[in-house]
């Protein structure tokens, strides 16, 4: 029943604190994934981002889902960039449906040919099946984009846009340096003079996406950081400042849809409220990381974890030990 100690990921050595303060100091570039990793499981952050332990990967013939995700993002960026070059600030609906589908097929063929040329293909038959599946999904996305997203009045403006920001938090003595890249930024086409430019951000996903509730609990930062990054890197310099009207995960696997939507008439908080919550949690996480606090107390330990073999987590044990700490928060 003793409090968490070094074997549980709580490091109390002043020398270690000095090293952590240096490694994760004011110049450290924080990503949404790193902060979300700490929020979900501080001990895993220690193993993965501090000690930099790597898992042993077993060779397999199946097509990696991560490879298909990279290809999907590459194809969507090229497809919509080509559309934007031909039809600036116009929805995909301005194109003939058959032509749009043919353009998507051509983009898919080019991306897969490049991948094959690099020798990254394993089992040929499985690769062909994976390609057919992805092509069916992305053609369905073209149909969804023309039929549904055209109704929003938003048009695609930027794809895989990089952002690198210094955000000053309320009450903080130093700015937080955050960086990353945004899958997609859409803007409202017609904005009256003198009004703020509304915009939305999307993250392409093969399925699902983090619940907005995860932002409130400090486990997810992606979409709030997307919103901040888009305002600065894509729409910076506008007066009045642009206004995020919402975000969503753009599920490109069938059934294609926007999921976990924030903004508009939803049951969730406003984008601004989630941004404030995310920044508050980010400051707290950075403080605890520098203090060497990586307790074995994950928020959810029900799924597979690469580090399960070296983790001493048991729910009853973590609860008992957390209860023994005066500064458990």
C-alpha atoms as a PDB file:
ATOM      1  CA  UNK A   1       0.000   0.000   0.000  1.00  0.00           C
ATOM      2  CA  UNK A   2       3.012   2.302  -0.238  1.00  0.00           C
ATOM      3  CA  UNK A   3       2.825   5.196  -2.709  1.00  0.00           C
ATOM      4  CA  UNK A   4       4.098   4.809  -6.249  1.00  0.00           C
ATOM      5  CA  UNK A   5       7.895   4.662  -6.410  1.00  0.00           C
ATOM      6  CA  UNK A   6      10.632   4.220  -9.015  1.00  0.00           C
ATOM      7  CA  UNK A   7       9.581   0.710 -10.046  1.00  0.00           C
ATOM      8  CA  UNK A   8       6.097   2.083 -10.698  1.00  0.00           C
ATOM      9  CA  UNK A   9       7.354   4.981 -12.811  1.00  0.00           C
ATOM     10  CA  UNK A  10       7.555   7.749 -10.190  1.00  0.00           C
ATOM     11  CA  UNK A  11      11.156   8.967 -10.315  1.00  0.00           C
ATOM     12  CA  UNK A  12      12.220  11.081  -7.345  1.00  0.00           C
ATOM     13  CA  UNK A  13      15.947  11.524  -8.037  1.00  0.00           C
ATOM     14  CA  UNK A  14      16.927  15.211  -8.367  1.00  0.00           C
ATOM     15  CA  UNK A  15      19.473  14.215 -11.021  1.00  0.00           C
ATOM     16  CA  UNK A  16      16.728  12.552 -13.080  1.00  0.00           C
ATOM     17  CA  UNK A  17      14.500  15.624 -12.682  1.00  0.00           C
ATOM     18  CA  UNK A  18      17.331  17.765 -14.029  1.00  0.00           C
ATOM     19  CA  UNK A  19      17.705  15.507 -17.046  1.00  0.00           C
ATOM     20  CA  UNK A  20      13.966  15.497 -17.711  1.00  0.00           C
ATOM     21  CA  UNK A  21      13.745  19.268 -17.358  1.00  0.00           C
ATOM     22  CA  UNK A  22      16.495  19.570 -19.942  1.00  0.00           C
ATOM     23  CA  UNK A  23      15.126  16.935 -22.355  1.00  0.00           C
ATOM     24  CA  UNK A  24      11.575  18.306 -22.145  1.00  0.00           C
ATOM     25  CA  UNK A  25      12.417  21.957 -21.583  1.00  0.00           C
ATOM     26  CA  UNK A  26      10.983  25.112 -23.167  1.00  0.00           C
ATOM     27  CA  UNK A  27      12.485  24.289 -26.559  1.00  0.00           C
ATOM     28  CA  UNK A  28      10.962  20.806 -26.736  1.00  0.00           C
ATOM     29  CA  UNK A  29       8.497  20.456 -29.597  1.00  0.00           C
ATOM     30  CA  UNK A  30       5.360  18.767 -28.271  1.00  0.00           C
ATOM     31  CA  UNK A  31       2.987  16.811 -30.482  1.00  0.00           C
ATOM     32  CA  UNK A  32      -0.637  15.941 -29.875  1.00  0.00           C
ATOM     33  CA  UNK A  33       0.229  12.227 -29.920  1.00  0.00           C
ATOM     34  CA  UNK A  34       2.946  12.581 -27.260  1.00  0.00           C
ATOM     35  CA  UNK A  35       0.728  14.500 -24.850  1.00  0.00           C
ATOM     36  CA  UNK A  36      -2.182  12.153 -25.515  1.00  0.00           C
ATOM     37  CA  UNK A  37       0.083   9.193 -24.826  1.00  0.00           C
ATOM     38  CA  UNK A  38       0.993  10.619 -21.420  1.00  0.00           C
ATOM     39  CA  UNK A  39      -2.637  11.397 -20.648  1.00  0.00           C
ATOM     40  CA  UNK A  40      -3.678   7.837 -21.431  1.00  0.00           C
ATOM     41  CA  UNK A  41      -0.774   6.057 -19.737  1.00  0.00           C
ATOM     42  CA  UNK A  42       2.133   7.945 -18.120  1.00  0.00           C
ATOM     43  CA  UNK A  43       4.137   4.714 -17.704  1.00  0.00           C
ATOM     44  CA  UNK A  44       3.910   3.946 -21.408  1.00  0.00           C
ATOM     45  CA  UNK A  45       5.137   7.485 -22.128  1.00  0.00           C
ATOM     46  CA  UNK A  46       8.155   6.740 -19.936  1.00  0.00           C
ATOM     47  CA  UNK A  47       8.949   3.531 -21.797  1.00  0.00           C
ATOM     48  CA  UNK A  48       8.284   4.827 -25.286  1.00  0.00           C
ATOM     49  CA  UNK A  49       9.285   8.509 -25.243  1.00  0.00           C
ATOM     50  CA  UNK A  50      11.815   8.740 -22.395  1.00  0.00           C
ATOM     51  CA  UNK A  51      13.590   5.367 -22.371  1.00  0.00           C
ATOM     52  CA  UNK A  52      12.814   4.905 -26.090  1.00  0.00           C
ATOM     53  CA  UNK A  53      12.228   1.171 -25.813  1.00  0.00           C
ATOM     54  CA  UNK A  54      11.205  -0.512 -29.047  1.00  0.00           C
ATOM     55  CA  UNK A  55       9.003  -3.552 -29.455  1.00  0.00           C
ATOM     56  CA  UNK A  56      10.119  -6.640 -31.333  1.00  0.00           C
ATOM     57  CA  UNK A  57       8.178  -6.846 -34.572  1.00  0.00           C
ATOM     58  CA  UNK A  58       7.491 -10.290 -35.985  1.00  0.00           C
ATOM     59  CA  UNK A  59       7.725 -10.464 -39.809  1.00  0.00           C
ATOM     60  CA  UNK A  60       4.399 -11.188 -41.468  1.00  0.00           C
ATOM     61  CA  UNK A  61       2.947 -11.407 -44.945  1.00  0.00           C
ATOM     62  CA  UNK A  62      -0.242  -9.463 -44.290  1.00  0.00           C
ATOM     63  CA  UNK A  63      -0.390  -5.878 -45.482  1.00  0.00           C
ATOM     64  CA  UNK A  64       0.256  -3.553 -42.549  1.00  0.00           C
ATOM     65  CA  UNK A  65      -2.684  -1.326 -41.660  1.00  0.00           C
ATOM     66  CA  UNK A  66      -0.222   1.496 -41.073  1.00  0.00           C
ATOM     67  CA  UNK A  67       0.980   1.161 -44.685  1.00  0.00           C
ATOM     68  CA  UNK A  68      -2.572   1.388 -45.969  1.00  0.00           C
ATOM     69  CA  UNK A  69      -3.142   4.429 -43.776  1.00  0.00           C
ATOM     70  CA  UNK A  70      -0.087   6.157 -45.244  1.00  0.00           C
ATOM     71  CA  UNK A  71      -1.281   5.347 -48.752  1.00  0.00           C
ATOM     72  CA  UNK A  72      -4.818   6.566 -48.043  1.00  0.00           C
ATOM     73  CA  UNK A  73      -3.541   9.888 -46.711  1.00  0.00           C
ATOM     74  CA  UNK A  74      -1.170  10.284 -49.678  1.00  0.00           C
ATOM     75  CA  UNK A  75      -3.917   9.532 -52.196  1.00  0.00           C
ATOM     76  CA  UNK A  76      -6.431  11.884 -50.584  1.00  0.00           C
ATOM     77  CA  UNK A  77      -3.893  14.711 -50.417  1.00  0.00           C
ATOM     78  CA  UNK A  78      -2.995  14.330 -54.090  1.00  0.00           C
ATOM     79  CA  UNK A  79      -6.584  13.924 -55.210  1.00  0.00           C
ATOM     80  CA  UNK A  80      -7.944  16.999 -53.441  1.00  0.00           C
ATOM     81  CA  UNK A  81      -4.850  19.079 -54.224  1.00  0.00           C
ATOM     82  CA  UNK A  82      -5.402  18.382 -57.920  1.00  0.00           C
ATOM     83  CA  UNK A  83      -9.075  19.316 -57.550  1.00  0.00           C
ATOM     84  CA  UNK A  84      -8.168  22.529 -55.768  1.00  0.00           C
ATOM     85  CA  UNK A  85      -5.655  23.457 -58.472  1.00  0.00           C
ATOM     86  CA  UNK A  86      -8.334  23.079 -61.153  1.00  0.00           C
ATOM     87  CA  UNK A  87     -11.281  24.431 -59.133  1.00  0.00           C
ATOM     88  CA  UNK A  88     -10.028  26.868 -56.447  1.00  0.00           C
ATOM     89  CA  UNK A  89     -12.419  27.190 -53.512  1.00  0.00           C
ATOM     90  CA  UNK A  90     -15.028  25.004 -55.163  1.00  0.00           C
ATOM     91  CA  UNK A  91     -16.545  21.827 -53.675  1.00  0.00           C
ATOM     92  CA  UNK A  92     -15.900  18.488 -55.323  1.00  0.00           C
ATOM     93  CA  UNK A  93     -19.551  18.565 -56.406  1.00  0.00           C
ATOM     94  CA  UNK A  94     -18.651  20.914 -59.281  1.00  0.00           C
ATOM     95  CA  UNK A  95     -16.991  17.954 -61.013  1.00  0.00           C
ATOM     96  CA  UNK A  96     -18.909  15.368 -62.987  1.00  0.00           C
ATOM     97  CA  UNK A  97     -19.272  12.301 -60.704  1.00  0.00           C
ATOM     98  CA  UNK A  98     -17.862   9.907 -63.298  1.00  0.00           C
ATOM     99  CA  UNK A  99     -14.860  12.160 -63.931  1.00  0.00           C
ATOM    100  CA  UNK A 100     -14.218  12.537 -60.208  1.00  0.00           C
ATOM    101  CA  UNK A 101     -14.248   8.756 -59.731  1.00  0.00           C
ATOM    102  CA  UNK A 102     -11.891   8.307 -62.704  1.00  0.00           C
ATOM    103  CA  UNK A 103      -9.544  10.905 -61.226  1.00  0.00           C
ATOM    104  CA  UNK A 104      -9.541   9.019 -57.930  1.00  0.00           C
ATOM    105  CA  UNK A 105      -8.759   5.730 -59.705  1.00  0.00           C
ATOM    106  CA  UNK A 106      -5.835   7.387 -61.479  1.00  0.00           C
ATOM    107  CA  UNK A 107      -4.496   8.805 -58.208  1.00  0.00           C
ATOM    108  CA  UNK A 108      -4.772   5.405 -56.523  1.00  0.00           C
ATOM    109  CA  UNK A 109      -2.957   3.696 -59.404  1.00  0.00           C
ATOM    110  CA  UNK A 110      -0.103   6.179 -59.240  1.00  0.00           C
ATOM    111  CA  UNK A 111       0.344   5.925 -55.478  1.00  0.00           C
ATOM    112  CA  UNK A 112       0.312   2.123 -55.482  1.00  0.00           C
ATOM    113  CA  UNK A 113       2.757   1.990 -58.400  1.00  0.00           C
ATOM    114  CA  UNK A 114       5.202   4.165 -56.447  1.00  0.00           C
ATOM    115  CA  UNK A 115       4.871   1.960 -53.390  1.00  0.00           C
ATOM    116  CA  UNK A 116       5.501  -1.172 -55.439  1.00  0.00           C
ATOM    117  CA  UNK A 117       8.498   0.431 -57.157  1.00  0.00           C
ATOM    118  CA  UNK A 118      10.068   0.980 -53.722  1.00  0.00           C
ATOM    119  CA  UNK A 119       9.839  -2.765 -53.082  1.00  0.00           C
ATOM    120  CA  UNK A 120       7.560  -2.427 -50.055  1.00  0.00           C
ATOM    121  CA  UNK A 121       5.109  -5.127 -51.147  1.00  0.00           C
ATOM    122  CA  UNK A 122       5.064  -8.534 -49.448  1.00  0.00           C
ATOM    123  CA  UNK A 123       2.495 -11.125 -50.507  1.00  0.00           C
ATOM    124  CA  UNK A 124       1.312 -10.139 -53.997  1.00  0.00           C
ATOM    125  CA  UNK A 125      -2.220 -11.548 -53.751  1.00  0.00           C
ATOM    126  CA  UNK A 126      -2.848 -10.008 -50.347  1.00  0.00           C
ATOM    127  CA  UNK A 127      -1.517  -6.716 -51.676  1.00  0.00           C
ATOM    128  CA  UNK A 128      -3.963  -6.774 -54.585  1.00  0.00           C
ATOM    129  CA  UNK A 129      -6.854  -7.526 -52.266  1.00  0.00           C
ATOM    130  CA  UNK A 130      -5.833  -4.644 -50.001  1.00  0.00           C
ATOM    131  CA  UNK A 131      -5.677  -2.327 -52.995  1.00  0.00           C
ATOM    132  CA  UNK A 132      -9.132  -3.334 -54.180  1.00  0.00           C
ATOM    133  CA  UNK A 133     -10.554  -2.766 -50.718  1.00  0.00           C
ATOM    134  CA  UNK A 134      -8.970   0.667 -50.387  1.00  0.00           C
ATOM    135  CA  UNK A 135     -10.101   1.671 -53.874  1.00  0.00           C
ATOM    136  CA  UNK A 136     -13.703   0.751 -53.080  1.00  0.00           C
ATOM    137  CA  UNK A 137     -13.551   2.801 -49.905  1.00  0.00           C
ATOM    138  CA  UNK A 138     -12.012   5.874 -51.522  1.00  0.00           C
ATOM    139  CA  UNK A 139     -14.487   5.799 -54.399  1.00  0.00           C
ATOM    140  CA  UNK A 140     -17.233   5.745 -51.783  1.00  0.00           C
ATOM    141  CA  UNK A 141     -15.567   8.782 -50.184  1.00  0.00           C
ATOM    142  CA  UNK A 142     -15.765  10.621 -53.521  1.00  0.00           C
ATOM    143  CA  UNK A 143     -19.504   9.920 -53.632  1.00  0.00           C
ATOM    144  CA  UNK A 144     -19.931  11.037 -50.014  1.00  0.00           C
ATOM    145  CA  UNK A 145     -17.936  14.204 -50.610  1.00  0.00           C
ATOM    146  CA  UNK A 146     -20.053  15.203 -53.594  1.00  0.00           C
ATOM    147  CA  UNK A 147     -23.394  14.332 -52.016  1.00  0.00           C
ATOM    148  CA  UNK A 148     -22.964  15.284 -48.345  1.00  0.00           C
ATOM    149  CA  UNK A 149     -20.046  17.632 -47.721  1.00  0.00           C
ATOM    150  CA  UNK A 150     -21.224  19.963 -50.486  1.00  0.00           C
ATOM    151  CA  UNK A 151     -24.218  20.751 -48.259  1.00  0.00           C
ATOM    152  CA  UNK A 152     -22.049  22.299 -45.546  1.00  0.00           C
ATOM    153  CA  UNK A 153     -20.940  25.253 -47.657  1.00  0.00           C
ATOM    154  CA  UNK A 154     -17.325  24.446 -46.755  1.00  0.00           C
ATOM    155  CA  UNK A 155     -14.645  23.837 -49.371  1.00  0.00           C
ATOM    156  CA  UNK A 156     -11.211  22.211 -48.986  1.00  0.00           C
ATOM    157  CA  UNK A 157      -8.386  24.748 -48.660  1.00  0.00           C
ATOM    158  CA  UNK A 158      -5.264  22.964 -47.329  1.00  0.00           C
ATOM    159  CA  UNK A 159      -3.982  19.381 -46.985  1.00  0.00           C
ATOM    160  CA  UNK A 160      -1.308  17.993 -44.645  1.00  0.00           C
ATOM    161  CA  UNK A 161      -0.444  21.531 -43.593  1.00  0.00           C
ATOM    162  CA  UNK A 162       2.429  21.760 -41.109  1.00  0.00           C
ATOM    163  CA  UNK A 163       2.130  23.933 -38.015  1.00  0.00           C
ATOM    164  CA  UNK A 164       4.751  24.992 -35.485  1.00  0.00           C
ATOM    165  CA  UNK A 165       3.383  27.212 -32.723  1.00  0.00           C
ATOM    166  CA  UNK A 166       4.400  28.794 -29.439  1.00  0.00           C
ATOM    167  CA  UNK A 167       1.227  29.041 -27.369  1.00  0.00           C
ATOM    168  CA  UNK A 168       1.266  31.115 -24.199  1.00  0.00           C
ATOM    169  CA  UNK A 169      -0.952  29.545 -21.564  1.00  0.00           C
ATOM    170  CA  UNK A 170      -2.786  31.544 -18.933  1.00  0.00           C
ATOM    171  CA  UNK A 171      -0.651  31.838 -15.806  1.00  0.00           C
ATOM    172  CA  UNK A 172       2.342  30.101 -17.425  1.00  0.00           C
ATOM    173  CA  UNK A 173       5.864  31.510 -17.310  1.00  0.00           C
ATOM    174  CA  UNK A 174       6.846  30.127 -20.704  1.00  0.00           C
ATOM    175  CA  UNK A 175       5.074  29.294 -23.988  1.00  0.00           C
ATOM    176  CA  UNK A 176       4.256  25.752 -25.004  1.00  0.00           C
ATOM    177  CA  UNK A 177       5.896  24.719 -28.278  1.00  0.00           C
ATOM    178  CA  UNK A 178       3.501  22.478 -30.263  1.00  0.00           C
ATOM    179  CA  UNK A 179       3.867  21.148 -33.774  1.00  0.00           C
ATOM    180  CA  UNK A 180       2.351  18.664 -36.195  1.00  0.00           C
ATOM    181  CA  UNK A 181       0.492  18.561 -39.476  1.00  0.00           C
ATOM    182  CA  UNK A 182      -3.196  18.810 -40.281  1.00  0.00           C
ATOM    183  CA  UNK A 183      -4.827  16.336 -42.643  1.00  0.00           C
ATOM    184  CA  UNK A 184      -7.296  18.840 -44.042  1.00  0.00           C
ATOM    185  CA  UNK A 185      -8.644  22.360 -43.536  1.00  0.00           C
ATOM    186  CA  UNK A 186     -11.956  23.478 -45.042  1.00  0.00           C
ATOM    187  CA  UNK A 187     -13.243  27.050 -45.144  1.00  0.00           C
ATOM    188  CA  UNK A 188     -16.637  28.648 -45.649  1.00  0.00           C
ATOM    189  CA  UNK A 189     -16.785  29.963 -49.211  1.00  0.00           C
ATOM    190  CA  UNK A 190     -18.681  33.227 -48.857  1.00  0.00           C
ATOM    191  CA  UNK A 191     -17.918  35.395 -45.825  1.00  0.00           C
ATOM    192  CA  UNK A 192     -19.333  38.950 -45.549  1.00  0.00           C
ATOM    193  CA  UNK A 193     -16.690  41.697 -45.280  1.00  0.00           C
ATOM    194  CA  UNK A 194     -15.583  42.363 -41.725  1.00  0.00           C
ATOM    195  CA  UNK A 195     -16.664  38.953 -40.392  1.00  0.00           C
ATOM    196  CA  UNK A 196     -14.338  36.220 -39.176  1.00  0.00           C
ATOM    197  CA  UNK A 197     -13.489  33.421 -41.615  1.00  0.00           C
ATOM    198  CA  UNK A 198     -15.121  30.186 -40.365  1.00  0.00           C
ATOM    199  CA  UNK A 199     -13.102  27.026 -40.879  1.00  0.00           C
ATOM    200  CA  UNK A 200     -13.217  23.335 -39.997  1.00  0.00           C
ATOM    201  CA  UNK A 201     -10.468  20.746 -39.607  1.00  0.00           C
ATOM    202  CA  UNK A 202     -10.620  17.041 -40.419  1.00  0.00           C
ATOM    203  CA  UNK A 203      -8.473  14.051 -39.600  1.00  0.00           C
ATOM    204  CA  UNK A 204      -8.677  11.091 -41.988  1.00  0.00           C
ATOM    205  CA  UNK A 205      -9.230   7.804 -40.158  1.00  0.00           C
ATOM    206  CA  UNK A 206      -9.722   4.231 -41.266  1.00  0.00           C
ATOM    207  CA  UNK A 207     -12.333   3.971 -38.548  1.00  0.00           C
ATOM    208  CA  UNK A 208     -13.555   5.731 -35.459  1.00  0.00           C
ATOM    209  CA  UNK A 209     -11.648   8.440 -33.651  1.00  0.00           C
ATOM    210  CA  UNK A 210     -11.182   9.710 -30.122  1.00  0.00           C
ATOM    211  CA  UNK A 211     -14.266  10.882 -28.266  1.00  0.00           C
ATOM    212  CA  UNK A 212     -14.411  14.588 -27.406  1.00  0.00           C
ATOM    213  CA  UNK A 213     -14.708  13.399 -23.804  1.00  0.00           C
ATOM    214  CA  UNK A 214     -11.070  12.310 -24.088  1.00  0.00           C
ATOM    215  CA  UNK A 215     -10.116  15.968 -24.543  1.00  0.00           C
ATOM    216  CA  UNK A 216     -11.813  16.873 -21.266  1.00  0.00           C
ATOM    217  CA  UNK A 217      -9.853  14.134 -19.465  1.00  0.00           C
ATOM    218  CA  UNK A 218      -6.478  15.058 -20.945  1.00  0.00           C
ATOM    219  CA  UNK A 219      -6.141  11.997 -23.186  1.00  0.00           C
ATOM    220  CA  UNK A 220      -6.556  13.575 -26.625  1.00  0.00           C
ATOM    221  CA  UNK A 221      -5.151  16.776 -28.126  1.00  0.00           C
ATOM    222  CA  UNK A 222      -5.229  16.203 -31.861  1.00  0.00           C
ATOM    223  CA  UNK A 223      -8.268  18.159 -32.991  1.00  0.00           C
ATOM    224  CA  UNK A 224      -7.773  21.173 -30.661  1.00  0.00           C
ATOM    225  CA  UNK A 225      -4.157  21.404 -31.865  1.00  0.00           C
ATOM    226  CA  UNK A 226      -5.386  21.056 -35.463  1.00  0.00           C
ATOM    227  CA  UNK A 227      -7.693  24.003 -34.896  1.00  0.00           C
ATOM    228  CA  UNK A 228      -4.916  26.155 -33.425  1.00  0.00           C
ATOM    229  CA  UNK A 229      -2.511  25.128 -36.166  1.00  0.00           C
ATOM    230  CA  UNK A 230      -4.953  25.876 -38.974  1.00  0.00           C
ATOM    231  CA  UNK A 231      -5.677  29.358 -37.651  1.00  0.00           C
ATOM    232  CA  UNK A 232      -1.970  30.206 -37.611  1.00  0.00           C
ATOM    233  CA  UNK A 233      -0.389  28.214 -40.436  1.00  0.00           C
ATOM    234  CA  UNK A 234      -3.201  28.202 -43.018  1.00  0.00           C
ATOM    235  CA  UNK A 235      -5.287  31.274 -42.204  1.00  0.00           C
ATOM    236  CA  UNK A 236      -2.766  33.384 -40.327  1.00  0.00           C
ATOM    237  CA  UNK A 237      -2.896  37.134 -40.789  1.00  0.00           C
ATOM    238  CA  UNK A 238      -6.636  37.402 -41.357  1.00  0.00           C
ATOM    239  CA  UNK A 239      -8.507  40.163 -39.567  1.00  0.00           C
ATOM    240  CA  UNK A 240     -10.646  39.581 -37.702  1.00  0.00           C
ATOM    241  CA  UNK A 241      -8.970  36.299 -36.671  1.00  0.00           C
ATOM    242  CA  UNK A 242     -10.515  33.155 -38.202  1.00  0.00           C
ATOM    243  CA  UNK A 243     -13.022  31.195 -36.144  1.00  0.00           C
ATOM    244  CA  UNK A 244     -13.067  27.393 -35.886  1.00  0.00           C
ATOM    245  CA  UNK A 245     -16.644  26.281 -36.508  1.00  0.00           C
ATOM    246  CA  UNK A 246     -15.953  22.602 -35.861  1.00  0.00           C
ATOM    247  CA  UNK A 247     -13.992  19.466 -36.535  1.00  0.00           C
ATOM    248  CA  UNK A 248     -14.515  15.775 -37.176  1.00  0.00           C
ATOM    249  CA  UNK A 249     -12.787  12.531 -38.014  1.00  0.00           C
ATOM    250  CA  UNK A 250     -13.306  11.790 -41.687  1.00  0.00           C
ATOM    251  CA  UNK A 251     -13.804   8.023 -41.821  1.00  0.00           C
ATOM    252  CA  UNK A 252     -12.662   6.868 -45.254  1.00  0.00           C
ATOM    253  CA  UNK A 253     -13.655   3.236 -44.784  1.00  0.00           C
ATOM    254  CA  UNK A 254     -17.254   2.354 -45.568  1.00  0.00           C
ATOM    255  CA  UNK A 255     -19.654   3.538 -44.409  1.00  0.00           C
ATOM    256  CA  UNK A 256     -17.872   6.810 -45.146  1.00  0.00           C
ATOM    257  CA  UNK A 257     -18.913   9.548 -42.738  1.00  0.00           C
ATOM    258  CA  UNK A 258     -17.830  12.356 -40.446  1.00  0.00           C
ATOM    259  CA  UNK A 259     -17.673  10.985 -36.897  1.00  0.00           C
ATOM    260  CA  UNK A 260     -17.138  12.560 -33.470  1.00  0.00           C
ATOM    261  CA  UNK A 261     -18.265  15.903 -34.865  1.00  0.00           C
ATOM    262  CA  UNK A 262     -17.722  19.005 -32.735  1.00  0.00           C
ATOM    263  CA  UNK A 263     -19.349  22.320 -33.618  1.00  0.00           C
ATOM    264  CA  UNK A 264     -22.775  23.229 -34.856  1.00  0.00           C
ATOM    265  CA  UNK A 265     -25.788  21.522 -33.341  1.00  0.00           C
ATOM    266  CA  UNK A 266     -24.059  18.714 -31.456  1.00  0.00           C
ATOM    267  CA  UNK A 267     -24.189  17.386 -27.922  1.00  0.00           C
ATOM    268  CA  UNK A 268     -20.560  18.351 -27.310  1.00  0.00           C
ATOM    269  CA  UNK A 269     -18.918  21.554 -26.065  1.00  0.00           C
ATOM    270  CA  UNK A 270     -17.821  24.351 -28.377  1.00  0.00           C
ATOM    271  CA  UNK A 271     -14.450  24.113 -30.165  1.00  0.00           C
ATOM    272  CA  UNK A 272     -13.113  27.004 -28.066  1.00  0.00           C
ATOM    273  CA  UNK A 273     -14.037  25.196 -24.841  1.00  0.00           C
ATOM    274  CA  UNK A 274     -12.203  22.065 -25.934  1.00  0.00           C
ATOM    275  CA  UNK A 275      -9.168  24.105 -26.970  1.00  0.00           C
ATOM    276  CA  UNK A 276      -8.981  25.707 -23.525  1.00  0.00           C
ATOM    277  CA  UNK A 277      -9.336  22.302 -21.881  1.00  0.00           C
ATOM    278  CA  UNK A 278      -6.599  20.784 -24.061  1.00  0.00           C
ATOM    279  CA  UNK A 279      -4.152  23.585 -23.340  1.00  0.00           C
ATOM    280  CA  UNK A 280      -4.775  23.320 -19.602  1.00  0.00           C
ATOM    281  CA  UNK A 281      -4.120  19.589 -19.652  1.00  0.00           C
ATOM    282  CA  UNK A 282      -1.053  20.054 -21.845  1.00  0.00           C
ATOM    283  CA  UNK A 283       0.505  22.392 -19.269  1.00  0.00           C
ATOM    284  CA  UNK A 284      -0.250  19.911 -16.469  1.00  0.00           C
ATOM    285  CA  UNK A 285       1.222  16.968 -18.391  1.00  0.00           C
ATOM    286  CA  UNK A 286       4.422  18.853 -19.199  1.00  0.00           C
ATOM    287  CA  UNK A 287       4.832  19.808 -15.540  1.00  0.00           C
ATOM    288  CA  UNK A 288       4.452  16.209 -14.348  1.00  0.00           C
ATOM    289  CA  UNK A 289       6.765  14.860 -17.051  1.00  0.00           C
ATOM    290  CA  UNK A 290       9.507  17.209 -15.909  1.00  0.00           C
ATOM    291  CA  UNK A 291       8.867  16.099 -12.317  1.00  0.00           C
ATOM    292  CA  UNK A 292       9.420  12.457 -13.247  1.00  0.00           C
ATOM    293  CA  UNK A 293       5.834  11.355 -12.621  1.00  0.00           C
ATOM    294  CA  UNK A 294       5.030   8.354 -14.822  1.00  0.00           C
ATOM    295  CA  UNK A 295       2.842   6.205 -12.539  1.00  0.00           C
ATOM    296  CA  UNK A 296       1.569   2.797 -13.635  1.00  0.00           C
ATOM    297  CA  UNK A 297      -2.013   3.989 -13.639  1.00  0.00           C
ATOM    298  CA  UNK A 298      -3.400   3.996 -17.167  1.00  0.00           C
ATOM    299  CA  UNK A 299      -6.842   5.418 -17.746  1.00  0.00           C
ATOM    300  CA  UNK A 300      -7.830   2.341 -19.749  1.00  0.00           C
ATOM    301  CA  UNK A 301      -5.846  -0.911 -19.795  1.00  0.00           C
ATOM    302  CA  UNK A 302      -8.403  -3.137 -21.500  1.00  0.00           C
ATOM    303  CA  UNK A 303      -6.698  -3.396 -24.885  1.00  0.00           C
ATOM    304  CA  UNK A 304      -3.417  -4.692 -26.250  1.00  0.00           C
ATOM    305  CA  UNK A 305      -0.270  -2.865 -25.195  1.00  0.00           C
ATOM    306  CA  UNK A 306       3.200  -3.324 -26.674  1.00  0.00           C
ATOM    307  CA  UNK A 307       4.663  -2.966 -23.195  1.00  0.00           C
ATOM    308  CA  UNK A 308       2.327  -5.295 -21.332  1.00  0.00           C
ATOM    309  CA  UNK A 309       5.121  -7.761 -20.557  1.00  0.00           C
ATOM    310  CA  UNK A 310       7.093  -5.212 -18.530  1.00  0.00           C
ATOM    311  CA  UNK A 311       4.242  -3.337 -16.889  1.00  0.00           C
ATOM    312  CA  UNK A 312       3.130  -4.067 -13.319  1.00  0.00           C
ATOM    313  CA  UNK A 313      -0.327  -2.620 -13.710  1.00  0.00           C
ATOM    314  CA  UNK A 314      -3.251  -4.127 -11.823  1.00  0.00           C
ATOM    315  CA  UNK A 315      -6.296  -1.886 -11.301  1.00  0.00           C
ATOM    316  CA  UNK A 316      -6.653  -2.626  -7.582  1.00  0.00           C
ATOM    317  CA  UNK A 317      -2.945  -2.069  -7.015  1.00  0.00           C
ATOM    318  CA  UNK A 318      -2.843   1.237  -8.891  1.00  0.00           C
ATOM    319  CA  UNK A 319      -5.887   2.543  -7.030  1.00  0.00           C
ATOM    320  CA  UNK A 320      -4.418   1.608  -3.655  1.00  0.00           C
ATOM    321  CA  UNK A 321      -1.053   3.169  -4.388  1.00  0.00           C
ATOM    322  CA  UNK A 322      -2.551   6.344  -5.851  1.00  0.00           C
ATOM    323  CA  UNK A 323      -4.600   6.702  -2.691  1.00  0.00           C
ATOM    324  CA  UNK A 324      -1.419   6.666  -0.634  1.00  0.00           C
ATOM    325  CA  UNK A 325       0.081   9.718  -2.333  1.00  0.00           C
ATOM    326  CA  UNK A 326      -0.344  13.143  -0.871  1.00  0.00           C
ATOM    327  CA  UNK A 327       0.303  14.761  -4.246  1.00  0.00           C
ATOM    328  CA  UNK A 328      -1.440  12.159  -6.415  1.00  0.00           C
ATOM    329  CA  UNK A 329      -2.954  14.870  -8.623  1.00  0.00           C
END
